[in-house]
Amino acid sequence: MRLRAGLLALFAGAFCIASSAIWVRLSEVGPVATAFWRVALALPLLWAWAAWASLPRHMAAGRRFAWPLAAAGACFAGDLALWHGSIVLTSVANATLLANFAPVFVALAVWVLHRRRPHARFVFALAVALTGTVVLVGSSIATDGHAPTAGRAPSAEGSLRLVGDALGIGTAMFYAAYQLFVARVRSQVTTASVMAWSSLACAAVLLPVALASGEPLLPSSLHGWAILAGLALASHVAGQSLIAYAIAHLTPTLASVGLLLQPVVAPAFAWQVLGEPVGWLQVAGGTIVLAGIWLAIRAERPDSERAGDADAR
């Protein structure tokens, strides 16, 4: 039951996060400024949620786990800054796909830090899922990976597209670190407290970076503020909270592979809203990714649960 609840939360969170690229493309401010407002506008709701659940417990969590929560926030700041930069330099498909190579870094970190070698079935599932992402990236390259004309994103040509792709890989590294720090405290800290404290640290890191970058910091219209509010509510409050909840019920490796649902959903959003084409290669790649996720779920299920399924049959 815990596995099922965790997976439902993970997939719902991944679906919400997959819409992030659309909000970023339509934003009237720079990519790092957009990342700051995404977190800052979510903070009042997150802190109200944490206080409503239990203010004393929330404050105690901040004191007891200050270092890992702050580290999680700093890593998430790096994740957002690089990913938003990637989104405006390359296609939504490329930015999302490369950012979702986090499972590779999570698996390596778990192996190196905890001496926990992944099961052969999981390695195979990860290979299947990553094969799907390679197919999807190949489909983007085949269509020249142009950033669409909708929104304010520039056309991603030549070296700019390569920079955007490199930022996507950097995003994956930061997000893997974020997941590991969150996993470290999730058994003892509520979802609300994890989100509230880590988001506070994230905003504290992003604001000076946005100011130093020289980007436009304030939207020029109510529509621009509405875009930032939508990003904060859909991607951060809903998406990241669901993922933080899921991490408490799933292994870090399974959670990271499950999030590969994002590269399947994000191109569909980009096609509908921004007009980015979706070809047969992307459909095939998405199917392979979903197959890899399903295999990973089967590989990570406890042996007792698999035995129970066998008895039921």
Protein backbone atom coordinates (compact mmCIF):
# COMPACT_ATOMS: atom_id res chain seq x y z
CA MET A 1 0.00 0.00 0.00
CA ARG A 2 2.84 2.42 0.84
CA LEU A 3 4.49 1.60 -2.48
CA ARG A 4 1.25 2.25 -4.37
CA ALA A 5 0.62 5.57 -2.57
CA GLY A 6 4.19 6.64 -3.20
CA LEU A 7 3.98 5.81 -6.89
CA LEU A 8 0.67 7.64 -7.34
CA ALA A 9 2.15 10.73 -5.67
CA LEU A 10 5.33 10.42 -7.74
CA PHE A 11 3.52 10.20 -11.06
CA ALA A 12 1.13 13.03 -10.17
CA GLY A 13 4.10 15.18 -9.13
CA ALA A 14 5.98 14.34 -12.32
CA PHE A 15 2.92 15.35 -14.36
CA CYS A 16 2.80 18.73 -12.58
CA ILE A 17 6.53 19.30 -12.96
CA ALA A 18 6.32 18.45 -16.66
CA SER A 19 4.34 21.67 -17.18
CA SER A 20 7.19 23.79 -15.77
CA ALA A 21 8.91 24.37 -19.09
CA ILE A 22 5.77 25.94 -20.54
CA TRP A 23 5.48 28.43 -17.68
CA VAL A 24 9.19 29.27 -17.96
CA ARG A 25 8.97 29.88 -21.70
CA LEU A 26 6.01 32.22 -21.25
CA SER A 27 7.55 34.14 -18.34
CA GLU A 28 8.28 37.85 -18.76
CA VAL A 29 11.40 37.73 -16.56
CA GLY A 30 14.74 35.97 -16.89
CA PRO A 31 15.23 32.24 -16.24
CA VAL A 32 16.90 32.64 -12.82
CA ALA A 33 14.40 35.31 -11.78
CA THR A 34 11.60 32.99 -12.85
CA ALA A 35 13.13 30.27 -10.67
CA PHE A 36 13.24 32.68 -7.71
CA TRP A 37 9.59 33.70 -8.07
CA ARG A 38 8.56 30.08 -8.54
CA VAL A 39 9.85 29.38 -5.03
CA ALA A 40 9.17 32.75 -3.38
CA LEU A 41 5.50 32.85 -4.35
CA ALA A 42 5.06 29.32 -3.04
CA LEU A 43 6.64 30.06 0.36
CA PRO A 44 3.58 31.58 2.10
CA LEU A 45 1.45 28.55 1.22
CA LEU A 46 4.15 26.08 2.20
CA TRP A 47 4.79 27.75 5.57
CA ALA A 48 1.07 28.04 6.28
CA TRP A 49 0.75 24.32 5.53
CA ALA A 50 3.65 23.44 7.82
CA ALA A 51 2.33 25.68 10.63
CA TRP A 52 -1.18 24.23 10.31
CA ALA A 53 0.17 20.69 10.53
CA SER A 54 2.24 21.43 13.67
CA LEU A 55 4.21 24.64 14.17
CA PRO A 56 6.31 23.33 17.11
CA ARG A 57 7.24 20.19 15.18
CA HIS A 58 8.02 22.26 12.09
CA MET A 59 10.34 24.62 13.99
CA ALA A 60 12.01 21.69 15.75
CA ALA A 61 12.67 20.03 12.38
CA GLY A 62 14.34 23.20 11.15
CA ARG A 63 16.66 23.27 14.15
CA ARG A 64 17.45 19.56 14.19
CA PHE A 65 17.94 19.07 10.45
CA ALA A 66 19.13 22.54 9.45
CA TRP A 67 22.14 21.30 7.47
CA PRO A 68 20.50 18.67 5.22
CA LEU A 69 17.42 20.86 4.63
CA ALA A 70 19.58 23.84 3.70
CA ALA A 71 21.71 21.62 1.46
CA ALA A 72 18.59 20.29 -0.24
CA GLY A 73 17.42 23.85 -0.88
CA ALA A 74 20.80 24.91 -2.26
CA CYS A 75 20.88 21.90 -4.59
CA PHE A 76 17.37 22.64 -5.76
CA ALA A 77 18.39 26.25 -6.44
CA GLY A 78 21.17 24.94 -8.69
CA ASP A 79 18.71 22.58 -10.34
CA LEU A 80 16.21 25.35 -11.11
CA ALA A 81 18.77 27.92 -12.26
CA LEU A 82 20.42 25.53 -14.71
CA TRP A 83 17.20 23.95 -15.92
CA HIS A 84 15.45 27.25 -16.59
CA GLY A 85 18.53 28.39 -18.49
CA SER A 86 18.44 25.17 -20.48
CA ILE A 87 14.77 25.63 -21.34
CA VAL A 88 15.36 28.99 -23.04
CA LEU A 89 18.40 27.75 -25.00
CA THR A 90 17.24 24.38 -26.31
CA SER A 91 13.97 22.58 -26.97
CA VAL A 92 11.61 21.64 -24.16
CA ALA A 93 12.17 17.97 -25.03
CA ASN A 94 15.96 18.24 -24.78
CA ALA A 95 15.90 20.31 -21.59
CA THR A 96 13.51 17.95 -19.84
CA LEU A 97 15.11 14.76 -21.07
CA LEU A 98 18.66 15.66 -20.14
CA ALA A 99 17.56 16.95 -16.74
CA ASN A 100 16.00 13.55 -16.12
CA PHE A 101 19.29 11.70 -16.32
CA ALA A 102 19.28 12.13 -12.54
CA PRO A 103 18.71 8.34 -12.04
CA VAL A 104 22.24 7.70 -13.29
CA PHE A 105 23.74 10.03 -10.69
CA VAL A 106 21.42 8.79 -7.92
CA ALA A 107 22.34 5.15 -8.57
CA LEU A 108 26.05 6.01 -8.67
CA ALA A 109 25.82 8.04 -5.46
CA VAL A 110 23.93 5.28 -3.63
CA TRP A 111 26.50 2.75 -4.82
CA VAL A 112 29.52 4.87 -3.82
CA LEU A 113 28.23 6.42 -0.58
CA HIS A 114 26.23 3.52 0.83
CA ARG A 115 27.98 0.57 -0.84
CA ARG A 116 24.51 -0.53 -1.94
CA ARG A 117 24.95 -2.17 -5.30
CA PRO A 118 21.79 -1.99 -7.41
CA HIS A 119 20.05 -5.25 -8.27
CA ALA A 120 20.66 -6.57 -11.78
CA ARG A 121 16.94 -6.30 -12.60
CA PHE A 122 16.97 -2.64 -11.63
CA VAL A 123 20.09 -1.95 -13.72
CA PHE A 124 18.35 -3.53 -16.70
CA ALA A 125 15.22 -1.42 -16.07
CA LEU A 126 17.33 1.73 -15.81
CA ALA A 127 19.07 0.84 -19.07
CA VAL A 128 15.68 0.41 -20.79
CA ALA A 129 14.42 3.76 -19.45
CA LEU A 130 17.59 5.59 -20.45
CA THR A 131 17.45 4.00 -23.91
CA GLY A 132 14.04 5.59 -24.25
CA THR A 133 15.42 8.98 -23.28
CA VAL A 134 18.23 8.61 -25.84
CA VAL A 135 15.64 7.87 -28.52
CA LEU A 136 13.73 10.98 -27.46
CA VAL A 137 16.86 13.14 -27.55
CA GLY A 138 17.67 11.72 -30.97
CA SER A 139 14.23 12.73 -32.18
CA SER A 140 14.85 16.29 -30.98
CA ILE A 141 18.21 16.42 -32.76
CA ALA A 142 16.59 15.05 -35.91
CA THR A 143 14.24 18.04 -35.94
CA ASP A 144 17.20 20.41 -35.27
CA GLY A 145 16.05 20.97 -31.67
CA HIS A 146 14.75 24.44 -32.46
CA ALA A 147 13.23 26.40 -29.63
CA PRO A 148 9.73 27.45 -30.74
CA THR A 149 8.83 30.99 -31.65
CA ALA A 150 6.03 31.07 -29.06
CA GLY A 151 6.96 32.96 -25.87
CA ARG A 152 10.21 34.84 -25.59
CA ALA A 153 12.72 32.02 -26.06
CA PRO A 154 15.42 32.59 -28.69
CA SER A 155 16.04 30.12 -31.46
CA ALA A 156 18.46 27.49 -30.20
CA GLU A 157 21.09 27.29 -32.91
CA GLY A 158 24.52 25.65 -32.92
CA SER A 159 26.58 26.36 -29.83
CA LEU A 160 23.61 27.83 -27.93
CA ARG A 161 21.77 24.52 -28.18
CA LEU A 162 24.86 22.69 -26.96
CA VAL A 163 25.12 25.04 -23.98
CA GLY A 164 21.45 24.41 -23.23
CA ASP A 165 22.01 20.65 -23.40
CA ALA A 166 25.04 20.93 -21.09
CA LEU A 167 22.94 22.89 -18.60
CA GLY A 168 20.41 20.05 -18.75
CA ILE A 169 23.07 17.55 -17.67
CA GLY A 170 24.13 19.88 -14.85
CA THR A 171 20.48 20.05 -13.80
CA ALA A 172 20.40 16.27 -13.47
CA MET A 173 23.41 16.30 -11.14
CA PHE A 174 21.89 18.95 -8.87
CA TYR A 175 18.51 17.22 -8.80
CA ALA A 176 20.10 13.89 -7.89
CA ALA A 177 21.81 15.59 -4.94
CA TYR A 178 18.51 17.21 -3.93
CA GLN A 179 16.74 13.84 -3.92
CA LEU A 180 19.44 12.26 -1.78
CA PHE A 181 19.35 15.06 0.80
CA VAL A 182 15.55 14.89 0.97
CA ALA A 183 15.65 11.10 1.31
CA ARG A 184 18.04 11.54 4.25
CA VAL A 185 15.44 13.39 6.36
CA ARG A 186 12.06 12.29 4.98
CA SER A 187 11.57 9.48 7.50
CA GLN A 188 11.74 12.04 10.35
CA VAL A 189 10.46 15.28 8.81
CA THR A 190 7.00 15.91 7.35
CA THR A 191 6.51 16.76 3.69
CA ALA A 192 5.33 20.25 4.66
CA SER A 193 8.46 20.95 6.70
CA VAL A 194 10.79 19.60 4.02
CA MET A 195 9.17 21.84 1.42
CA ALA A 196 8.99 24.94 3.62
CA TRP A 197 12.57 24.85 4.93
CA SER A 198 14.24 23.72 1.71
CA SER A 199 12.28 26.29 -0.32
CA LEU A 200 13.36 29.06 2.04
CA ALA A 201 17.00 28.08 1.51
CA CYS A 202 16.41 27.79 -2.23
CA ALA A 203 14.94 31.30 -2.49
CA ALA A 204 17.79 32.71 -0.40
CA VAL A 205 20.30 31.31 -2.91
CA LEU A 206 18.38 32.27 -6.06
CA LEU A 207 17.66 35.94 -5.22
CA PRO A 208 21.28 37.19 -5.20
CA VAL A 209 22.06 35.10 -8.28
CA ALA A 210 19.09 36.64 -10.14
CA LEU A 211 20.14 40.15 -9.07
CA ALA A 212 23.75 39.55 -10.12
CA SER A 213 22.70 38.16 -13.51
CA GLY A 214 21.18 41.47 -14.58
CA GLU A 215 17.98 39.75 -15.73
CA PRO A 216 14.62 41.53 -15.55
CA LEU A 217 13.38 40.67 -12.06
CA LEU A 218 9.79 41.99 -12.11
CA PRO A 219 7.09 41.10 -14.66
CA SER A 220 5.77 44.02 -16.69
CA SER A 221 2.10 42.99 -16.59
CA LEU A 222 -0.54 41.17 -14.55
CA HIS A 223 -0.33 38.38 -17.11
CA GLY A 224 3.35 38.01 -16.26
CA TRP A 225 2.55 37.72 -12.55
CA ALA A 226 -0.17 35.17 -13.36
CA ILE A 227 2.38 33.05 -15.22
CA LEU A 228 4.72 33.09 -12.20
CA ALA A 229 1.84 32.28 -9.84
CA GLY A 230 0.82 29.35 -12.02
CA LEU A 231 4.40 28.06 -12.03
CA ALA A 232 4.61 28.37 -8.25
CA LEU A 233 1.31 26.58 -7.60
CA ALA A 234 1.44 23.86 -10.25
CA SER A 235 5.14 23.04 -10.27
CA HIS A 236 6.36 23.87 -6.79
CA VAL A 237 3.49 23.62 -4.31
CA ALA A 238 1.77 20.70 -6.03
CA GLY A 239 4.53 19.00 -8.02
CA GLN A 240 7.46 19.19 -5.62
CA SER A 241 5.31 18.47 -2.56
CA LEU A 242 3.94 15.31 -4.16
CA ILE A 243 7.47 14.23 -5.07
CA ALA A 244 8.76 14.96 -1.54
CA TYR A 245 5.91 12.82 -0.18
CA ALA A 246 6.73 10.04 -2.64
CA ILE A 247 10.41 9.99 -1.67
CA ALA A 248 9.37 9.00 1.87
CA HIS A 249 7.63 5.89 0.51
CA LEU A 250 10.04 4.84 -2.26
CA THR A 251 13.74 4.09 -2.56
CA PRO A 252 15.81 6.97 -4.03
CA THR A 253 16.62 4.92 -7.12
CA LEU A 254 12.98 4.00 -7.82
CA ALA A 255 11.85 7.59 -7.25
CA SER A 256 14.45 8.91 -9.70
CA VAL A 257 13.44 6.42 -12.40
CA GLY A 258 9.74 7.09 -11.88
CA LEU A 259 10.38 10.76 -12.57
CA LEU A 260 11.37 9.77 -16.12
CA LEU A 261 7.66 10.14 -16.79
CA GLN A 262 8.40 13.86 -17.16
CA PRO A 263 10.18 13.54 -20.52
CA VAL A 264 7.15 11.69 -21.84
CA VAL A 265 4.64 14.32 -20.75
CA ALA A 266 6.66 17.52 -21.32
CA PRO A 267 6.92 17.17 -25.14
CA ALA A 268 3.16 16.66 -25.28
CA PHE A 269 2.63 19.93 -23.38
CA ALA A 270 5.16 21.68 -25.65
CA TRP A 271 3.35 20.39 -28.73
CA GLN A 272 -0.04 21.60 -27.54
CA VAL A 273 1.01 25.01 -26.14
CA LEU A 274 4.21 25.99 -27.97
CA GLY A 275 3.79 24.14 -31.23
CA GLU A 276 6.90 21.96 -30.87
CA PRO A 277 6.42 18.91 -33.13
CA VAL A 278 6.06 15.40 -31.73
CA GLY A 279 7.25 12.73 -34.18
CA TRP A 280 7.12 8.96 -34.23
CA LEU A 281 10.59 8.75 -32.63
CA GLN A 282 9.31 10.66 -29.60
CA VAL A 283 6.30 8.35 -29.35
CA ALA A 284 8.60 5.32 -29.53
CA GLY A 285 11.00 6.79 -26.98
CA GLY A 286 8.17 7.59 -24.60
CA THR A 287 6.89 4.04 -24.84
CA ILE A 288 10.35 2.66 -24.02
CA VAL A 289 10.65 5.02 -21.03
CA LEU A 290 7.31 3.83 -19.66
CA ALA A 291 8.42 0.21 -20.10
CA GLY A 292 11.60 0.98 -18.15
CA ILE A 293 9.60 2.57 -15.33
CA TRP A 294 7.33 -0.46 -15.11
CA LEU A 295 10.32 -2.82 -15.01
CA ALA A 296 11.96 -0.70 -12.31
CA ILE A 297 8.81 -0.84 -10.21
CA ARG A 298 8.76 -4.64 -10.52
CA ALA A 299 12.47 -4.85 -9.65
CA GLU A 300 12.17 -2.61 -6.56
CA ARG A 301 9.08 -4.22 -5.03
CA PRO A 302 9.81 -6.07 -1.78
CA ASP A 303 10.23 -9.81 -2.14
CA SER A 304 7.38 -10.37 0.33
CA GLU A 305 5.02 -8.34 -1.84
CA ARG A 306 6.01 -10.28 -4.95
CA ALA A 307 5.44 -13.52 -3.04
CA GLY A 308 2.02 -12.27 -1.98
CA ASP A 309 1.14 -11.58 -5.60
CA ALA A 310 2.24 -15.09 -6.52
CA ASP A 311 0.05 -16.57 -3.76
CA ALA A 312 -2.88 -14.52 -4.96
CA ARG A 313 -2.48 -15.90 -8.45
